[in-house]
Protein backbone atom coordinates (compact mmCIF):
# COMPACT_ATOMS: atom_id res chain seq x y z
CA MET A 1 -88.22 -56.87 237.22
CA ARG A 2 -86.83 -59.52 239.55
CA VAL A 3 -89.43 -61.34 241.60
CA PHE A 4 -89.04 -64.04 244.22
CA ALA A 5 -91.20 -65.99 246.63
CA ALA A 6 -89.83 -66.66 250.09
CA VAL A 7 -90.53 -67.66 253.65
CA VAL A 8 -89.49 -64.97 256.12
CA PRO A 9 -88.56 -66.05 259.64
CA PRO A 10 -90.53 -64.16 262.33
CA ALA A 11 -89.08 -61.32 264.41
CA GLN A 12 -88.10 -63.61 267.31
CA ALA A 13 -86.01 -65.85 265.02
CA HIS A 14 -84.49 -62.78 263.32
CA ALA A 15 -83.50 -61.22 266.65
CA HIS A 16 -81.99 -64.45 267.96
CA LEU A 17 -79.87 -64.97 264.84
CA GLU A 18 -78.92 -61.27 264.72
CA SER A 19 -77.51 -61.44 268.26
CA PHE A 20 -75.45 -64.51 267.32
CA VAL A 21 -74.14 -63.02 264.06
CA GLU A 22 -73.51 -59.46 265.29
CA VAL A 23 -70.41 -60.32 267.33
CA ARG A 24 -68.95 -62.34 264.43
CA ARG A 25 -69.40 -59.81 261.61
CA ASP A 26 -65.94 -58.23 261.94
CA VAL A 27 -64.11 -61.57 262.05
CA ARG A 28 -64.02 -61.96 258.25
CA SER A 29 -63.69 -58.47 256.82
CA GLU A 30 -63.93 -59.65 253.19
CA LEU A 31 -67.47 -60.87 253.77
CA ARG A 32 -70.34 -58.64 252.66
CA TRP A 33 -72.98 -59.34 255.30
CA THR A 34 -76.62 -59.42 254.35
CA PRO A 35 -78.55 -56.96 256.54
CA SER A 36 -80.95 -58.82 258.79
CA HIS A 37 -84.01 -57.02 257.38
CA LEU A 38 -83.29 -58.76 254.05
CA TRP A 39 -83.09 -62.29 255.53
CA HIS A 40 -85.42 -64.82 253.94
CA VAL A 41 -85.58 -68.42 252.73
CA THR A 42 -86.13 -68.35 248.96
CA LEU A 43 -88.63 -70.80 247.50
CA ALA A 44 -88.52 -69.57 243.88
CA PHE A 45 -86.52 -66.85 242.15
CA MET A 46 -87.57 -65.40 238.81
CA GLY A 47 -84.72 -63.45 237.18
CA GLU A 48 -86.88 -61.22 235.01
CA VAL A 49 -90.66 -60.96 235.14
CA ALA A 50 -92.68 -58.60 232.97
CA GLU A 51 -94.62 -56.16 235.13
CA HIS A 52 -97.95 -57.34 233.72
CA LEU A 53 -97.21 -60.88 235.03
CA VAL A 54 -96.65 -59.94 238.68
CA ASP A 55 -100.35 -60.33 239.60
CA ASP A 56 -100.37 -63.74 237.87
CA VAL A 57 -97.31 -64.76 239.92
CA ILE A 58 -99.03 -63.62 243.12
CA ASP A 59 -102.17 -65.59 242.26
CA ALA A 60 -100.10 -68.68 241.41
CA VAL A 61 -98.15 -68.49 244.69
CA ALA A 62 -101.37 -67.90 246.65
CA ASP A 63 -103.01 -70.97 245.07
CA VAL A 64 -100.07 -73.20 245.98
CA SER A 65 -99.72 -71.71 249.47
CA ALA A 66 -103.40 -72.32 250.22
CA GLN A 67 -102.82 -76.04 249.60
CA HIS A 68 -100.00 -76.36 252.16
CA GLU A 69 -100.21 -76.34 255.93
CA PRO A 70 -97.91 -74.16 258.08
CA ILE A 71 -94.44 -75.70 258.45
CA PRO A 72 -92.50 -75.90 261.77
CA LEU A 73 -88.85 -74.97 261.16
CA ARG A 74 -85.65 -73.86 262.87
CA LEU A 75 -82.46 -72.13 261.71
CA ASN A 76 -79.75 -74.51 262.85
CA GLY A 77 -76.23 -75.03 261.56
CA ALA A 78 -74.48 -73.45 258.61
CA GLY A 79 -73.07 -74.13 255.17
CA THR A 80 -71.37 -72.56 252.17
CA PHE A 81 -71.74 -72.41 248.42
CA PRO A 82 -70.17 -73.88 246.42
CA ASN A 83 -68.07 -75.70 249.07
CA PRO A 84 -66.01 -74.93 252.22
CA ALA A 85 -62.69 -74.88 250.34
CA GLN A 86 -63.89 -72.27 247.83
CA ALA A 87 -66.68 -70.53 249.75
CA ARG A 88 -68.39 -67.51 248.22
CA VAL A 89 -71.66 -67.65 250.15
CA VAL A 90 -72.14 -68.38 253.86
CA TRP A 91 -75.62 -69.44 254.92
CA MET A 92 -77.68 -70.69 257.85
CA ASP A 93 -79.34 -74.04 257.43
CA VAL A 94 -83.11 -74.44 257.62
CA ARG A 95 -84.07 -77.61 259.42
CA PRO A 96 -87.38 -79.25 260.23
CA GLU A 97 -88.75 -78.86 263.71
CA ALA A 98 -91.12 -81.80 263.16
CA PRO A 99 -90.82 -85.05 261.20
CA GLY A 100 -91.44 -84.40 257.52
CA ALA A 101 -91.32 -80.60 257.81
CA LEU A 102 -88.32 -80.18 255.52
CA GLY A 103 -90.04 -82.33 252.91
CA ASP A 104 -93.08 -80.06 253.29
CA LEU A 105 -90.89 -77.01 252.62
CA GLU A 106 -89.32 -78.67 249.58
CA SER A 107 -92.78 -79.62 248.32
CA LEU A 108 -93.95 -76.04 248.79
CA ALA A 109 -90.90 -74.71 246.89
CA LEU A 110 -91.43 -77.15 244.02
CA GLY A 111 -95.14 -76.28 243.84
CA VAL A 112 -94.37 -72.54 243.80
CA ARG A 113 -91.73 -73.01 241.09
CA ARG A 114 -94.10 -75.03 238.90
CA ALA A 115 -96.98 -72.59 239.37
CA CYS A 116 -94.77 -69.60 238.51
CA ALA A 117 -93.47 -71.40 235.41
CA ARG A 118 -97.06 -72.06 234.27
CA VAL A 119 -97.82 -68.32 234.28
CA GLY A 120 -94.63 -67.54 232.32
CA ALA A 121 -92.37 -66.30 235.13
CA SER A 122 -89.47 -68.75 234.45
CA PRO A 123 -88.13 -69.54 237.95
CA ALA A 124 -84.51 -70.61 238.36
CA GLY A 125 -84.18 -74.38 238.45
CA GLY A 126 -81.79 -76.82 240.04
CA ASP A 127 -81.84 -78.70 243.31
CA TYR A 128 -83.60 -76.95 246.15
CA ARG A 129 -81.47 -76.33 249.25
CA PRO A 130 -83.39 -74.26 251.82
CA HIS A 131 -81.07 -71.72 253.43
CA LEU A 132 -80.84 -68.16 254.68
CA THR A 133 -77.91 -66.24 253.15
CA LEU A 134 -75.78 -64.52 255.78
CA ALA A 135 -72.87 -63.19 253.72
CA ARG A 136 -71.11 -63.23 250.37
CA SER A 137 -67.47 -62.91 249.40
CA ARG A 138 -66.13 -61.42 246.18
CA ARG A 139 -63.31 -63.99 246.24
CA PRO A 140 -63.45 -67.64 247.28
CA PHE A 141 -62.08 -68.36 250.73
CA GLU A 142 -61.37 -71.39 252.92
CA ALA A 143 -64.34 -71.53 255.30
CA THR A 144 -63.82 -74.68 257.38
CA HIS A 145 -62.95 -72.83 260.60
CA TRP A 146 -65.72 -70.30 259.97
CA LEU A 147 -68.25 -73.11 259.48
CA ARG A 148 -67.28 -74.69 262.82
CA VAL A 149 -68.15 -71.41 264.55
CA MET A 150 -71.41 -70.87 262.65
CA ASP A 151 -72.47 -74.52 262.82
CA ALA A 152 -72.83 -74.18 266.60
CA TYR A 153 -75.88 -71.98 266.10
CA ALA A 154 -79.33 -73.37 266.98
CA GLY A 155 -82.16 -70.86 266.76
CA PRO A 156 -85.60 -70.99 268.33
CA PRO A 157 -88.34 -73.01 266.62
CA TRP A 158 -90.79 -71.06 264.45
CA THR A 159 -93.60 -71.78 262.05
CA ALA A 160 -93.60 -70.76 258.41
CA ASP A 161 -97.22 -69.73 257.97
CA GLU A 162 -97.07 -67.65 254.78
CA VAL A 163 -95.14 -67.14 251.57
CA THR A 164 -94.18 -63.58 250.75
CA VAL A 165 -93.83 -62.46 247.15
CA PHE A 166 -91.14 -59.79 246.74
CA VAL A 167 -90.09 -57.49 243.93
CA SER A 168 -86.36 -56.82 244.04
CA HIS A 169 -85.33 -53.29 243.06
CA ARG A 170 -81.68 -52.86 242.14
CA GLY A 171 -79.66 -50.56 244.33
CA THR A 172 -78.11 -47.48 242.80
CA GLY A 173 -74.42 -47.74 241.99
CA LYS A 174 -73.04 -50.57 244.13
CA GLY A 175 -75.90 -50.28 246.61
CA ARG A 176 -77.77 -53.28 247.94
CA PRO A 177 -81.05 -54.26 246.36
CA HIS A 178 -84.29 -53.24 248.00
CA TYR A 179 -86.87 -55.99 248.48
CA GLU A 180 -90.46 -54.81 248.33
CA PRO A 181 -93.05 -57.26 249.69
CA VAL A 182 -96.02 -57.16 247.30
CA ALA A 183 -98.14 -59.99 248.69
CA ALA A 184 -98.39 -62.29 251.70
CA CYS A 185 -99.88 -65.66 250.80
CA PRO A 186 -100.92 -67.56 253.94
CA LEU A 187 -100.36 -71.29 254.04
CA GLY A 188 -103.73 -72.98 254.12
CA ALA A 189 -105.65 -69.69 253.60
CA SER A 190 -106.30 -66.82 251.16
CA VAL A 191 -104.04 -64.06 249.80
CA SER A 192 -103.35 -60.67 251.41
CA ARG A 193 -101.85 -58.05 249.06
CA GLY A 194 -99.37 -55.46 250.33
């Protein structure tokens, strides 16, 4: 099963971004918009995890989370993967609300990745770029104008105070995946299983 650990913006930040995005969704019809209830900032993604390892992943994420303090953040600005000339993913940027906060988020992500690797979950590697995926495109498109519009966004400040561990269930046919939260691991505290 696919498992990932993520920070989920609170309802206020979700609602604010949703109101900004809603009026822009029809502008680029080739974009497949991520429903707002699936929005999250991934810290570690494990492509395939044996079911018997899920509790070990939860314990590993909880241990790392307990060692980090809550992190003040803001969704502000936008970007694309792999680049604006050949965009396939449009995302909102995650920026620090306090000096050092982005480094704290990167440190948390690295710690979660290492802990998950130690229990055999094999997280995806590469550079960490915190972001919230808004939409995907089946074909690359030129996104410079689109980025100018989206880059104007500045959401309300919020505090990441827990890491949620999700199991991703594949959708049937061409349906979207379903993310099931299986544990909430508070930053600086103990684990709460869902």
